[in-house]
Protein backbone atom coordinates (compact mmCIF):
# COMPACT_ATOMS: atom_id res chain seq x y z
CA MET A 1 30.14 -21.49 -3.97
CA ALA A 2 29.01 -18.82 -5.23
CA THR A 3 26.66 -15.58 -4.73
CA THR A 4 24.80 -13.97 -8.10
CA THR A 5 22.54 -10.93 -8.30
CA ASP A 6 19.48 -11.03 -10.75
CA LYS A 7 17.86 -8.13 -12.10
CA THR A 8 14.34 -8.47 -13.58
CA LEU A 9 11.72 -6.18 -14.77
CA ARG A 10 8.20 -7.45 -14.82
CA MET A 11 5.24 -5.47 -16.75
CA VAL A 12 1.75 -6.86 -15.96
CA PHE A 13 -1.15 -6.12 -18.75
CA ARG A 14 -4.95 -6.51 -18.18
CA ASN A 15 -6.33 -8.00 -21.60
CA GLN A 16 -9.82 -8.00 -22.54
CA ASP A 17 -11.14 -10.37 -20.56
CA GLY A 18 -9.72 -8.44 -17.24
CA ASN A 19 -7.04 -11.10 -17.25
CA ASN A 20 -3.72 -10.73 -16.05
CA VAL A 21 -0.68 -11.02 -18.29
CA THR A 22 2.72 -10.66 -17.14
CA ILE A 23 5.66 -10.13 -19.83
CA THR A 24 9.34 -10.13 -17.88
CA LEU A 25 12.30 -8.64 -19.47
CA ASP A 26 16.34 -10.05 -17.35
CA ASN A 27 18.33 -7.52 -16.36
CA PRO A 28 16.69 -4.21 -17.51
CA ARG A 29 19.34 -1.20 -17.62
CA ASN A 30 20.21 -0.10 -13.70
CA ASN A 31 19.13 4.12 -14.99
CA LEU A 32 15.52 2.68 -16.31
CA THR A 33 12.61 5.10 -14.67
CA ALA A 34 8.97 4.53 -14.34
CA ALA A 35 8.19 7.09 -17.27
CA GLU A 36 10.44 4.75 -19.78
CA ILE A 37 8.69 1.59 -18.43
CA GLU A 38 5.41 3.24 -18.91
CA MET A 39 6.07 4.83 -22.12
CA ALA A 40 7.36 1.22 -23.39
CA MET A 41 4.09 -0.64 -22.41
CA ASP A 42 2.05 1.98 -23.80
CA LEU A 43 3.57 1.50 -26.83
CA VAL A 44 2.58 -2.16 -26.43
CA ILE A 45 -1.09 -1.93 -25.71
CA ALA A 46 -1.53 0.96 -28.66
CA ARG A 47 0.55 -0.92 -31.41
CA ASN A 48 -0.89 -4.16 -30.31
CA VAL A 49 2.12 -5.82 -30.10
CA PHE A 50 0.96 -9.26 -28.17
CA THR A 51 -2.30 -10.84 -27.50
CA SER A 52 -3.17 -13.16 -24.83
CA SER A 53 -5.89 -16.31 -24.17
CA GLY A 54 -7.85 -13.75 -23.04
CA GLY A 55 -7.74 -10.98 -26.27
CA ASP A 56 -5.34 -8.09 -26.34
CA LEU A 57 -3.53 -6.44 -24.11
CA VAL A 58 -5.70 -3.07 -23.08
CA THR A 59 -4.34 -1.81 -20.02
CA LYS A 60 -1.33 -1.14 -17.74
CA GLN A 61 -1.88 -3.16 -14.34
CA ASP A 62 1.35 -3.45 -12.78
CA ILE A 63 5.37 -2.57 -13.06
CA ARG A 64 7.98 -4.27 -10.80
CA VAL A 65 11.92 -4.44 -10.40
CA ILE A 66 12.70 -7.60 -8.84
CA ASN A 67 16.14 -8.01 -7.46
CA SER A 68 17.24 -11.39 -6.21
CA THR A 69 20.29 -13.33 -4.64
CA THR A 70 21.19 -16.50 -4.97
CA ASP A 71 23.46 -18.27 -2.60
CA ASP A 72 25.01 -21.33 -3.53
CA LEU A 73 26.33 -23.32 -0.89
CA PHE A 74 27.07 -26.49 -1.94
CA ASP A 75 29.19 -27.86 -5.15
CA PRO A 76 29.26 -30.97 -5.58
CA PRO A 77 33.24 -32.85 -6.25
CA ALA A 78 33.97 -33.02 -9.98
């Protein structure tokens, strides 16, 4: 039995059709700032790095860092 903690960066963009497109990155560095993330998102949009079924990514919609803790309460016998 163990407890694990995970951290995920979730960047949400809006595409040409007006739909949200989410890009997630596991284990972002601890001292990452909102300004750095916004700058990276601006580059993704400006350089047209990704596209979606609803067209190119055109604006930033949201940024979240999600921390989750999992408590594994049972380990089956070997």
